[in-house]
Amino acid sequence: MVGRPGSRWNAVAIIAATGGCEAARALKGKRFLSAEAPRLPLAKCSAPAECRCVYKKYPDRRAGPRREVEKTGLHRALPGGEERRRRRGRRSTDTED
């Protein structure tokens, strides 16, 4: 495992060295969970003895914001402006109406 032990969402990307092999260049921009990342040198590396590719570590596999609110900081209003949930929640501390 390449990332911090105990953090299961740590991720890595493989950074091809200058003049790196096609196998490493094909993975450009792809993040792997640390526990699932391929070992270096890559199995299809054309020069495994001289491989200088490295891992770049990330705290998370996701790259960039995924939801509109994460991108803009603005919450969209519900259509009609009303609460659509029937009950408040499943916890014993949630009150039933």
N, C-alpha and C. Protein backbone atom coordinates (compact mmCIF):
# COMPACT_ATOMS: atom_id res chain seq x y z
N MET A 1 0.84 -1.18 0.00
CA MET A 1 0.00 0.00 0.00
C MET A 1 0.88 1.23 0.00
N VAL A 2 0.60 2.17 -0.89
CA VAL A 2 1.45 3.31 -1.07
C VAL A 2 1.08 4.45 -0.14
N GLY A 3 -0.21 4.64 0.15
CA GLY A 3 -0.68 5.77 0.95
C GLY A 3 -0.47 5.59 2.43
N ARG A 4 -1.06 6.50 3.20
CA ARG A 4 -0.99 6.47 4.65
C ARG A 4 -1.75 5.26 5.17
N PRO A 5 -1.16 4.43 6.02
CA PRO A 5 -1.87 3.27 6.53
C PRO A 5 -3.13 3.69 7.28
N GLY A 6 -4.20 2.95 7.06
CA GLY A 6 -5.44 3.22 7.76
C GLY A 6 -6.38 4.15 7.04
N SER A 7 -5.93 4.85 6.03
CA SER A 7 -6.81 5.73 5.28
C SER A 7 -7.13 5.05 3.96
N ARG A 8 -8.30 4.47 3.87
CA ARG A 8 -8.61 3.62 2.71
C ARG A 8 -8.93 4.39 1.45
N TRP A 9 -9.05 5.71 1.50
CA TRP A 9 -9.34 6.48 0.29
C TRP A 9 -8.12 7.17 -0.29
N ASN A 10 -6.95 6.97 0.30
CA ASN A 10 -5.73 7.53 -0.28
C ASN A 10 -5.56 7.01 -1.70
N ALA A 11 -5.04 7.86 -2.55
CA ALA A 11 -4.89 7.47 -3.94
C ALA A 11 -3.52 7.88 -4.46
N VAL A 12 -3.17 7.31 -5.59
CA VAL A 12 -1.93 7.66 -6.27
C VAL A 12 -2.18 7.75 -7.76
N ALA A 13 -1.35 8.52 -8.41
CA ALA A 13 -1.29 8.55 -9.87
C ALA A 13 0.14 8.18 -10.24
N ILE A 14 0.30 7.61 -11.40
CA ILE A 14 1.65 7.25 -11.86
C ILE A 14 2.13 8.36 -12.77
N ILE A 15 3.27 8.92 -12.40
CA ILE A 15 3.86 10.01 -13.17
C ILE A 15 5.01 9.43 -13.99
N ALA A 16 4.87 9.50 -15.30
CA ALA A 16 5.90 8.98 -16.20
C ALA A 16 7.09 9.92 -16.22
N ALA A 17 8.26 9.36 -16.14
CA ALA A 17 9.48 10.15 -16.25
C ALA A 17 9.61 10.67 -17.68
N THR A 18 10.43 11.67 -17.88
CA THR A 18 10.66 12.19 -19.22
C THR A 18 11.13 11.05 -20.12
N GLY A 19 10.45 10.89 -21.23
CA GLY A 19 10.77 9.79 -22.13
C GLY A 19 10.30 8.45 -21.60
N GLY A 20 9.35 8.47 -20.67
CA GLY A 20 8.84 7.23 -20.08
C GLY A 20 8.15 6.35 -21.11
N CYS A 21 7.88 5.14 -20.70
CA CYS A 21 7.31 4.16 -21.61
C CYS A 21 5.84 4.45 -21.92
N GLU A 22 5.34 3.81 -22.96
CA GLU A 22 3.95 3.97 -23.39
C GLU A 22 2.98 3.49 -22.32
N ALA A 23 3.34 2.45 -21.58
CA ALA A 23 2.46 1.92 -20.53
C ALA A 23 2.20 2.98 -19.47
N ALA A 24 3.21 3.72 -19.06
CA ALA A 24 3.05 4.77 -18.06
C ALA A 24 2.31 5.97 -18.63
N ARG A 25 2.60 6.34 -19.86
CA ARG A 25 1.91 7.49 -20.49
C ARG A 25 0.43 7.20 -20.67
N ALA A 26 0.07 5.96 -20.88
CA ALA A 26 -1.34 5.59 -21.07
C ALA A 26 -2.15 5.78 -19.78
N LEU A 27 -1.48 5.83 -18.65
CA LEU A 27 -2.17 6.00 -17.36
C LEU A 27 -2.21 7.45 -16.89
N LYS A 28 -1.80 8.37 -17.75
CA LYS A 28 -1.77 9.79 -17.38
C LYS A 28 -3.17 10.26 -16.94
N GLY A 29 -3.22 10.89 -15.77
CA GLY A 29 -4.48 11.44 -15.26
C GLY A 29 -5.35 10.43 -14.53
N LYS A 30 -4.96 9.17 -14.49
CA LYS A 30 -5.76 8.14 -13.82
C LYS A 30 -5.28 7.97 -12.39
N ARG A 31 -6.23 8.01 -11.44
CA ARG A 31 -5.90 7.78 -10.05
C ARG A 31 -6.35 6.39 -9.62
N PHE A 32 -5.55 5.79 -8.77
CA PHE A 32 -5.84 4.46 -8.23
C PHE A 32 -5.91 4.56 -6.73
N LEU A 33 -6.80 3.79 -6.10
CA LEU A 33 -6.73 3.66 -4.66
C LEU A 33 -5.35 3.09 -4.36
N SER A 34 -4.73 3.57 -3.31
CA SER A 34 -3.36 3.15 -3.01
C SER A 34 -3.20 1.64 -2.93
N ALA A 35 -4.17 0.99 -2.32
CA ALA A 35 -4.09 -0.47 -2.17
C ALA A 35 -4.23 -1.20 -3.50
N GLU A 36 -4.77 -0.54 -4.53
CA GLU A 36 -5.01 -1.18 -5.82
C GLU A 36 -4.07 -0.70 -6.93
N ALA A 37 -3.15 0.17 -6.60
CA ALA A 37 -2.25 0.73 -7.61
C ALA A 37 -1.29 -0.33 -8.13
N PRO A 38 -1.02 -0.30 -9.44
CA PRO A 38 -0.04 -1.25 -9.99
C PRO A 38 1.36 -0.93 -9.47
N ARG A 39 2.15 -1.95 -9.30
CA ARG A 39 3.53 -1.76 -8.82
C ARG A 39 4.40 -1.19 -9.94
N LEU A 40 5.42 -0.47 -9.51
CA LEU A 40 6.40 0.08 -10.45
C LEU A 40 7.66 -0.76 -10.40
N PRO A 41 8.32 -1.00 -11.51
CA PRO A 41 7.91 -0.64 -12.86
C PRO A 41 6.67 -1.43 -13.28
N LEU A 42 5.91 -0.83 -14.18
CA LEU A 42 4.69 -1.46 -14.68
C LEU A 42 5.01 -2.76 -15.40
N ALA A 43 4.05 -3.66 -15.41
CA ALA A 43 4.26 -4.97 -16.05
C ALA A 43 4.63 -4.83 -17.52
N LYS A 44 4.05 -3.83 -18.21
CA LYS A 44 4.32 -3.64 -19.64
C LYS A 44 5.37 -2.57 -19.91
N CYS A 45 6.17 -2.23 -18.90
CA CYS A 45 7.23 -1.22 -19.07
C CYS A 45 8.25 -1.70 -20.09
N SER A 46 8.62 -0.81 -21.00
CA SER A 46 9.57 -1.19 -22.05
C SER A 46 11.02 -1.14 -21.57
N ALA A 47 11.28 -0.53 -20.42
CA ALA A 47 12.65 -0.46 -19.89
C ALA A 47 12.61 -0.58 -18.36
N PRO A 48 12.21 -1.73 -17.83
CA PRO A 48 12.04 -1.85 -16.37
C PRO A 48 13.32 -1.61 -15.56
N ALA A 49 14.46 -1.92 -16.10
CA ALA A 49 15.72 -1.72 -15.37
C ALA A 49 16.06 -0.24 -15.21
N GLU A 50 15.60 0.59 -16.14
CA GLU A 50 15.89 2.02 -16.10
C GLU A 50 14.68 2.86 -15.72
N CYS A 51 13.59 2.25 -15.29
CA CYS A 51 12.35 2.96 -15.02
C CYS A 51 12.54 4.01 -13.92
N ARG A 52 12.08 5.24 -14.21
CA ARG A 52 12.14 6.32 -13.22
C ARG A 52 10.76 6.88 -12.93
N CYS A 53 9.72 6.14 -13.27
CA CYS A 53 8.36 6.58 -12.98
C CYS A 53 8.15 6.59 -11.46
N VAL A 54 7.27 7.46 -11.01
CA VAL A 54 7.02 7.59 -9.58
C VAL A 54 5.52 7.69 -9.32
N TYR A 55 5.14 7.52 -8.04
CA TYR A 55 3.77 7.72 -7.61
C TYR A 55 3.62 9.17 -7.14
N LYS A 56 2.51 9.76 -7.45
CA LYS A 56 2.13 11.05 -6.86
C LYS A 56 0.96 10.75 -5.95
N LYS A 57 1.06 11.14 -4.66
CA LYS A 57 0.06 10.80 -3.67
C LYS A 57 -1.04 11.86 -3.59
N TYR A 58 -2.27 11.39 -3.35
CA TYR A 58 -3.44 12.25 -3.17
C TYR A 58 -4.23 11.75 -1.95
N PRO A 59 -4.91 12.65 -1.25
CA PRO A 59 -5.71 12.20 -0.11
C PRO A 59 -6.99 11.48 -0.52
N ASP A 60 -7.36 11.58 -1.78
CA ASP A 60 -8.63 11.03 -2.24
C ASP A 60 -8.50 10.63 -3.70
N ARG A 61 -9.26 9.63 -4.12
CA ARG A 61 -9.22 9.19 -5.52
C ARG A 61 -9.91 10.17 -6.45
N ARG A 62 -10.91 10.89 -5.92
CA ARG A 62 -11.66 11.82 -6.75
C ARG A 62 -10.82 13.05 -7.09
N ALA A 63 -10.99 13.55 -8.27
CA ALA A 63 -10.28 14.75 -8.69
C ALA A 63 -11.28 15.87 -8.93
N GLY A 64 -11.22 16.89 -8.14
CA GLY A 64 -12.09 18.04 -8.34
C GLY A 64 -13.49 17.85 -7.81
N PRO A 65 -14.25 18.92 -7.81
CA PRO A 65 -15.62 18.86 -7.30
C PRO A 65 -16.52 18.04 -8.22
N ARG A 66 -17.50 17.33 -7.62
CA ARG A 66 -18.39 16.48 -8.39
C ARG A 66 -19.81 17.04 -8.43
N ARG A 67 -20.20 17.77 -7.42
CA ARG A 67 -21.56 18.27 -7.34
C ARG A 67 -21.59 19.76 -7.63
N GLU A 68 -22.71 20.25 -8.11
CA GLU A 68 -22.84 21.66 -8.45
C GLU A 68 -22.55 22.56 -7.25
N VAL A 69 -23.04 22.17 -6.08
CA VAL A 69 -22.81 22.99 -4.89
C VAL A 69 -21.32 23.06 -4.54
N GLU A 70 -20.58 22.00 -4.83
CA GLU A 70 -19.14 22.02 -4.59
C GLU A 70 -18.41 22.92 -5.59
N LYS A 71 -18.96 23.05 -6.78
CA LYS A 71 -18.34 23.89 -7.80
C LYS A 71 -18.63 25.36 -7.59
N THR A 72 -19.88 25.68 -7.24
CA THR A 72 -20.30 27.09 -7.17
C THR A 72 -20.50 27.61 -5.76
N GLY A 73 -20.74 26.71 -4.81
CA GLY A 73 -21.04 27.13 -3.45
C GLY A 73 -22.49 27.52 -3.26
N LEU A 74 -23.30 27.39 -4.32
CA LEU A 74 -24.71 27.77 -4.25
C LEU A 74 -25.59 26.53 -4.16
N HIS A 75 -26.56 26.57 -3.26
CA HIS A 75 -27.53 25.49 -3.14
C HIS A 75 -28.73 25.81 -4.01
N ARG A 76 -29.18 24.82 -4.77
CA ARG A 76 -30.38 25.01 -5.58
C ARG A 76 -31.60 24.80 -4.71
N ALA A 77 -32.59 25.61 -4.91
CA ALA A 77 -33.84 25.45 -4.16
C ALA A 77 -34.61 24.24 -4.70
N LEU A 78 -35.35 23.60 -3.82
CA LEU A 78 -36.18 22.48 -4.26
C LEU A 78 -37.30 22.99 -5.15
N PRO A 79 -37.70 22.23 -6.16
CA PRO A 79 -38.85 22.66 -6.97
C PRO A 79 -40.08 22.80 -6.08
N GLY A 80 -40.72 23.92 -6.12
CA GLY A 80 -41.89 24.15 -5.28
C GLY A 80 -41.52 24.60 -3.88
N GLY A 81 -40.24 24.49 -3.50
CA GLY A 81 -39.78 24.95 -2.21
C GLY A 81 -40.29 24.16 -1.02
N GLU A 82 -40.77 22.96 -1.21
CA GLU A 82 -41.31 22.19 -0.10
C GLU A 82 -40.43 20.99 0.22
N GLU A 83 -40.49 20.54 1.45
CA GLU A 83 -39.75 19.36 1.89
C GLU A 83 -40.42 18.12 1.30
N ARG A 84 -39.64 17.27 0.65
CA ARG A 84 -40.22 16.10 -0.02
C ARG A 84 -40.15 14.83 0.81
N ARG A 85 -39.38 14.83 1.89
CA ARG A 85 -39.27 13.62 2.71
C ARG A 85 -40.55 13.41 3.51
N ARG A 86 -40.96 12.17 3.67
CA ARG A 86 -42.18 11.84 4.40
C ARG A 86 -41.95 11.86 5.91
N ARG A 87 -40.85 11.26 6.34
CA ARG A 87 -40.54 11.21 7.77
C ARG A 87 -39.23 11.92 8.00
N ARG A 88 -38.97 12.29 9.23
CA ARG A 88 -37.77 13.05 9.55
C ARG A 88 -36.51 12.20 9.51
N GLY A 89 -36.55 10.98 10.03
CA GLY A 89 -35.34 10.17 10.03
C GLY A 89 -35.55 8.84 10.71
N ARG A 90 -34.49 8.03 10.77
CA ARG A 90 -34.59 6.69 11.33
C ARG A 90 -34.01 6.61 12.74
N ARG A 91 -33.36 7.64 13.21
CA ARG A 91 -32.76 7.59 14.54
C ARG A 91 -33.84 7.71 15.62
N SER A 92 -33.57 7.14 16.78
CA SER A 92 -34.54 7.21 17.88
C SER A 92 -34.69 8.63 18.39
N THR A 93 -33.67 9.49 18.12
CA THR A 93 -33.77 10.88 18.57
C THR A 93 -34.56 11.76 17.62
N ASP A 94 -34.88 11.25 16.43
CA ASP A 94 -35.69 12.01 15.48
C ASP A 94 -37.15 11.97 15.94
N THR A 95 -37.78 13.11 15.89
CA THR A 95 -39.17 13.16 16.36
C THR A 95 -40.12 12.88 15.21
N GLU A 96 -41.16 12.15 15.51
CA GLU A 96 -42.20 11.85 14.53
C GLU A 96 -43.26 12.94 14.63
N ASP A 97 -43.77 13.39 13.52
CA ASP A 97 -44.83 14.40 13.53
C ASP A 97 -46.19 13.76 13.55
